[in-house]
């Protein structure tokens, strides 16, 4: 309880929820065990977390590429604008 930084009240609430869900069972006076359903839940949650992390990493990569492209586009636009000003907009219409 203390290592998990939970109050006794919150620990009791969480323990009640996992017991009601069938994820944990009460074995004897002082021992709770993970059920087969609890083991499957943890396994599936681990896979879910890995996929979420992978998607997050991919999305960050896509956003970084978007930023690079936007910066490149803005730089290109600035160069084009400077050329247009220097040439007095002669024949450089888009």
N, C-alpha and C. Protein backbone atom coordinates (compact mmCIF):
# COMPACT_ATOMS: atom_id res chain seq x y z
N UNK A 1 0.83 -1.18 0.00
CA UNK A 1 0.00 0.00 0.00
C UNK A 1 0.88 1.25 0.00
N UNK A 2 1.88 1.28 0.85
CA UNK A 2 2.74 2.46 0.94
C UNK A 2 3.65 2.59 -0.26
N UNK A 3 4.16 1.47 -0.77
CA UNK A 3 5.02 1.52 -1.94
C UNK A 3 4.27 1.98 -3.18
N UNK A 4 2.97 1.70 -3.22
CA UNK A 4 2.14 2.12 -4.35
C UNK A 4 1.63 3.54 -4.16
N UNK A 5 1.93 4.12 -2.99
CA UNK A 5 1.51 5.48 -2.67
C UNK A 5 -0.02 5.62 -2.72
N UNK A 6 -0.71 4.61 -2.15
CA UNK A 6 -2.17 4.62 -2.08
C UNK A 6 -2.63 4.75 -0.64
N UNK A 7 -3.71 5.46 -0.46
CA UNK A 7 -4.32 5.50 0.86
C UNK A 7 -5.05 4.18 1.08
N UNK A 8 -5.35 3.85 2.31
CA UNK A 8 -6.06 2.61 2.61
C UNK A 8 -7.42 2.61 1.93
N UNK A 9 -8.08 3.73 1.95
CA UNK A 9 -9.41 3.84 1.33
C UNK A 9 -9.35 3.56 -0.18
N UNK A 10 -8.37 4.16 -0.85
CA UNK A 10 -8.23 3.96 -2.29
C UNK A 10 -7.82 2.52 -2.60
N UNK A 11 -6.94 1.95 -1.80
CA UNK A 11 -6.54 0.55 -1.96
C UNK A 11 -7.76 -0.36 -1.87
N UNK A 12 -8.61 -0.15 -0.88
CA UNK A 12 -9.82 -0.96 -0.71
C UNK A 12 -10.74 -0.82 -1.92
N UNK A 13 -10.87 0.39 -2.43
CA UNK A 13 -11.73 0.61 -3.60
C UNK A 13 -11.20 -0.14 -4.81
N UNK A 14 -9.89 -0.01 -5.09
CA UNK A 14 -9.29 -0.69 -6.24
C UNK A 14 -9.36 -2.21 -6.07
N UNK A 15 -9.09 -2.69 -4.88
CA UNK A 15 -9.13 -4.13 -4.62
C UNK A 15 -10.55 -4.66 -4.83
N UNK A 16 -11.52 -3.93 -4.40
CA UNK A 16 -12.91 -4.31 -4.60
C UNK A 16 -13.25 -4.38 -6.09
N UNK A 17 -12.76 -3.42 -6.86
CA UNK A 17 -13.03 -3.39 -8.30
C UNK A 17 -12.40 -4.57 -9.03
N UNK A 18 -11.16 -4.91 -8.71
CA UNK A 18 -10.53 -6.04 -9.40
C UNK A 18 -11.10 -7.37 -8.93
N UNK A 19 -11.54 -7.44 -7.68
CA UNK A 19 -12.22 -8.65 -7.21
C UNK A 19 -13.55 -8.83 -7.92
N UNK A 20 -14.33 -7.75 -8.01
CA UNK A 20 -15.63 -7.80 -8.68
C UNK A 20 -15.49 -8.14 -10.16
N UNK A 21 -14.40 -7.70 -10.78
CA UNK A 21 -14.17 -7.96 -12.21
C UNK A 21 -13.63 -9.37 -12.44
N UNK A 22 -13.28 -10.07 -11.36
CA UNK A 22 -12.74 -11.42 -11.51
C UNK A 22 -11.29 -11.45 -11.94
N UNK A 23 -10.59 -10.36 -11.76
CA UNK A 23 -9.18 -10.30 -12.15
C UNK A 23 -8.27 -10.83 -11.05
N UNK A 24 -8.74 -10.76 -9.82
CA UNK A 24 -8.00 -11.20 -8.64
C UNK A 24 -8.97 -12.01 -7.79
N UNK A 25 -8.44 -13.02 -7.09
CA UNK A 25 -9.29 -13.77 -6.16
C UNK A 25 -8.62 -13.80 -4.79
N UNK A 26 -9.45 -13.99 -3.80
CA UNK A 26 -8.98 -14.04 -2.41
C UNK A 26 -8.69 -15.49 -2.08
N UNK A 27 -7.40 -15.81 -1.83
CA UNK A 27 -7.03 -17.20 -1.62
C UNK A 27 -7.15 -17.62 -0.16
N UNK A 28 -6.62 -16.83 0.73
CA UNK A 28 -6.76 -17.10 2.15
C UNK A 28 -6.72 -15.78 2.91
N UNK A 29 -6.54 -15.83 4.20
CA UNK A 29 -6.61 -14.63 5.04
C UNK A 29 -5.76 -13.46 4.56
N UNK A 30 -4.60 -13.75 4.07
CA UNK A 30 -3.70 -12.65 3.71
C UNK A 30 -3.10 -12.77 2.32
N UNK A 31 -3.80 -13.46 1.42
CA UNK A 31 -3.22 -13.68 0.11
C UNK A 31 -4.26 -13.52 -1.00
N UNK A 32 -3.94 -12.66 -1.93
CA UNK A 32 -4.75 -12.48 -3.13
C UNK A 32 -3.93 -13.02 -4.30
N UNK A 33 -4.62 -13.65 -5.27
CA UNK A 33 -3.90 -14.19 -6.43
C UNK A 33 -4.55 -13.67 -7.71
N UNK A 34 -3.73 -13.59 -8.71
CA UNK A 34 -4.20 -13.17 -10.02
C UNK A 34 -4.90 -14.36 -10.68
N UNK A 35 -6.09 -14.15 -11.20
CA UNK A 35 -6.83 -15.21 -11.87
C UNK A 35 -6.35 -15.34 -13.32
N UNK A 36 -6.84 -16.38 -13.99
CA UNK A 36 -6.52 -16.55 -15.42
C UNK A 36 -7.02 -15.33 -16.20
N UNK A 37 -8.20 -14.85 -15.84
CA UNK A 37 -8.74 -13.65 -16.49
C UNK A 37 -7.84 -12.45 -16.22
N UNK A 38 -7.32 -12.34 -15.00
CA UNK A 38 -6.41 -11.25 -14.65
C UNK A 38 -5.11 -11.31 -15.43
N UNK A 39 -4.60 -12.54 -15.62
CA UNK A 39 -3.38 -12.72 -16.40
C UNK A 39 -3.62 -12.34 -17.85
N UNK A 40 -4.76 -12.76 -18.40
CA UNK A 40 -5.08 -12.39 -19.77
C UNK A 40 -5.25 -10.88 -19.91
N UNK A 41 -5.90 -10.27 -18.93
CA UNK A 41 -6.08 -8.82 -18.94
C UNK A 41 -4.72 -8.11 -18.97
N UNK A 42 -3.81 -8.53 -18.11
CA UNK A 42 -2.47 -7.91 -18.07
C UNK A 42 -1.73 -8.10 -19.38
N UNK A 43 -1.82 -9.29 -19.95
CA UNK A 43 -1.15 -9.57 -21.22
C UNK A 43 -1.71 -8.68 -22.33
N UNK A 44 -3.04 -8.61 -22.40
CA UNK A 44 -3.66 -7.78 -23.44
C UNK A 44 -3.38 -6.30 -23.21
N UNK A 45 -3.35 -5.88 -21.95
CA UNK A 45 -3.05 -4.48 -21.65
C UNK A 45 -1.62 -4.13 -22.04
N UNK A 46 -0.71 -5.06 -21.83
CA UNK A 46 0.69 -4.83 -22.21
C UNK A 46 0.80 -4.65 -23.73
N UNK A 47 0.13 -5.51 -24.50
CA UNK A 47 0.13 -5.39 -25.96
C UNK A 47 -0.52 -4.09 -26.40
N UNK A 48 -1.62 -3.74 -25.77
CA UNK A 48 -2.31 -2.48 -26.07
C UNK A 48 -1.38 -1.29 -25.82
N UNK A 49 -0.68 -1.31 -24.70
CA UNK A 49 0.24 -0.22 -24.36
C UNK A 49 1.37 -0.11 -25.37
N UNK A 50 1.89 -1.26 -25.82
CA UNK A 50 2.96 -1.25 -26.83
C UNK A 50 2.46 -0.64 -28.13
N UNK A 51 1.24 -1.03 -28.55
CA UNK A 51 0.68 -0.49 -29.79
C UNK A 51 0.45 1.01 -29.67
N UNK A 52 -0.06 1.44 -28.52
CA UNK A 52 -0.27 2.88 -28.31
C UNK A 52 1.03 3.65 -28.39
N UNK A 53 2.08 3.11 -27.78
CA UNK A 53 3.39 3.75 -27.80
C UNK A 53 3.91 3.82 -29.23
N UNK A 54 3.74 2.73 -29.98
CA UNK A 54 4.19 2.70 -31.37
C UNK A 54 3.44 3.73 -32.21
N UNK A 55 2.13 3.81 -32.02
CA UNK A 55 1.33 4.80 -32.74
C UNK A 55 1.73 6.23 -32.36
N UNK A 56 2.00 6.43 -31.08
CA UNK A 56 2.43 7.75 -30.61
C UNK A 56 3.76 8.14 -31.25
N UNK A 57 4.70 7.19 -31.28
CA UNK A 57 6.00 7.45 -31.91
C UNK A 57 5.82 7.77 -33.39
N UNK A 58 4.98 6.99 -34.07
CA UNK A 58 4.74 7.21 -35.49
C UNK A 58 4.11 8.58 -35.73
N UNK A 59 3.14 8.93 -34.91
CA UNK A 59 2.48 10.23 -35.04
C UNK A 59 3.46 11.38 -34.79
N UNK A 60 4.34 11.22 -33.82
CA UNK A 60 5.37 12.24 -33.57
C UNK A 60 6.28 12.39 -34.78
N UNK A 61 6.64 11.27 -35.40
CA UNK A 61 7.49 11.30 -36.59
C UNK A 61 6.78 12.04 -37.73
N UNK A 62 5.51 11.72 -37.93
CA UNK A 62 4.72 12.37 -38.99
C UNK A 62 4.63 13.87 -38.72
N UNK A 63 4.38 14.25 -37.48
CA UNK A 63 4.29 15.67 -37.14
C UNK A 63 5.63 16.38 -37.33
N UNK A 64 6.72 15.69 -37.01
CA UNK A 64 8.04 16.29 -37.23
C UNK A 64 8.30 16.51 -38.72
N UNK A 65 7.93 15.54 -39.53
CA UNK A 65 8.08 15.68 -40.98
C UNK A 65 7.21 16.82 -41.51
N UNK A 66 6.02 16.95 -40.97
CA UNK A 66 5.13 18.05 -41.37
C UNK A 66 5.77 19.39 -41.06
N UNK A 67 6.36 19.50 -39.88
CA UNK A 67 7.03 20.74 -39.48
C UNK A 67 8.19 21.06 -40.41
N UNK A 68 8.99 20.05 -40.74
CA UNK A 68 10.12 20.24 -41.67
C UNK A 68 9.61 20.74 -43.01
N UNK A 69 8.57 20.09 -43.53
CA UNK A 69 8.02 20.48 -44.82
C UNK A 69 7.45 21.90 -44.78
N UNK A 70 6.78 22.24 -43.69
CA UNK A 70 6.25 23.60 -43.56
C UNK A 70 7.37 24.63 -43.54
N UNK A 71 8.43 24.31 -42.81
CA UNK A 71 9.57 25.24 -42.74
C UNK A 71 10.22 25.38 -44.11
N UNK A 72 10.35 24.25 -44.81
CA UNK A 72 10.94 24.29 -46.15
C UNK A 72 10.05 25.12 -47.09
N UNK A 73 8.78 24.94 -46.96
CA UNK A 73 7.82 25.67 -47.80
C UNK A 73 7.89 27.17 -47.49
N UNK A 74 7.96 27.49 -46.22
CA UNK A 74 8.05 28.91 -45.83
C UNK A 74 9.35 29.52 -46.33
N UNK A 75 10.44 28.77 -46.26
CA UNK A 75 11.73 29.26 -46.76
C UNK A 75 11.67 29.48 -48.27
N UNK A 76 11.05 28.54 -48.97
CA UNK A 76 10.90 28.66 -50.42
C UNK A 76 10.06 29.88 -50.77
N UNK A 77 8.98 30.07 -50.03
CA UNK A 77 8.12 31.23 -50.28
C UNK A 77 8.87 32.54 -50.03
N UNK A 78 9.71 32.58 -49.00
CA UNK A 78 10.48 33.80 -48.71
C UNK A 78 11.47 34.08 -49.84
N UNK A 79 12.13 33.02 -50.34
CA UNK A 79 13.08 33.20 -51.45
C UNK A 79 12.34 33.70 -52.67
N UNK A 80 11.19 33.10 -53.01
CA UNK A 80 10.39 33.52 -54.15
C UNK A 80 9.95 34.98 -54.00
N UNK A 81 9.53 35.34 -52.80
CA UNK A 81 9.10 36.72 -52.56
C UNK A 81 10.25 37.70 -52.72
N UNK A 82 11.43 37.31 -52.22
CA UNK A 82 12.60 38.18 -52.37
C UNK A 82 12.99 38.33 -53.84
N UNK A 83 12.94 37.24 -54.60
CA UNK A 83 13.25 37.32 -56.03
C UNK A 83 12.24 38.22 -56.74
N UNK A 84 10.99 38.08 -56.39
CA UNK A 84 9.95 38.91 -57.01
C UNK A 84 10.19 40.39 -56.72
N UNK A 85 10.58 40.69 -55.51
CA UNK A 85 10.84 42.10 -55.16
C UNK A 85 12.05 42.64 -55.92
N UNK A 86 13.10 41.82 -56.01
CA UNK A 86 14.31 42.26 -56.71
C UNK A 86 14.07 42.47 -58.20
N UNK A 87 13.27 41.61 -58.77
CA UNK A 87 13.00 41.70 -60.21
C UNK A 87 11.80 42.59 -60.53
N UNK A 88 11.27 43.20 -59.50
CA UNK A 88 10.15 44.10 -59.72
C UNK A 88 8.93 43.38 -60.25
N UNK A 89 8.79 42.11 -59.86
CA UNK A 89 7.66 41.28 -60.27
C UNK A 89 7.54 41.14 -61.78
N UNK A 90 8.66 41.26 -62.51
CA UNK A 90 8.62 41.14 -63.98
C UNK A 90 8.59 39.68 -64.39
N UNK A 91 7.48 39.25 -64.92
CA UNK A 91 7.37 37.93 -65.50
C UNK A 91 7.48 36.78 -64.52
N UNK A 92 7.37 37.05 -63.24
CA UNK A 92 7.47 35.96 -62.26
C UNK A 92 6.15 35.78 -61.54
N UNK A 93 5.09 35.80 -62.23
CA UNK A 93 3.77 35.62 -61.62
C UNK A 93 3.46 34.14 -61.50
N UNK A 94 2.79 33.82 -60.43
CA UNK A 94 2.39 32.41 -60.19
C UNK A 94 0.91 32.28 -60.35
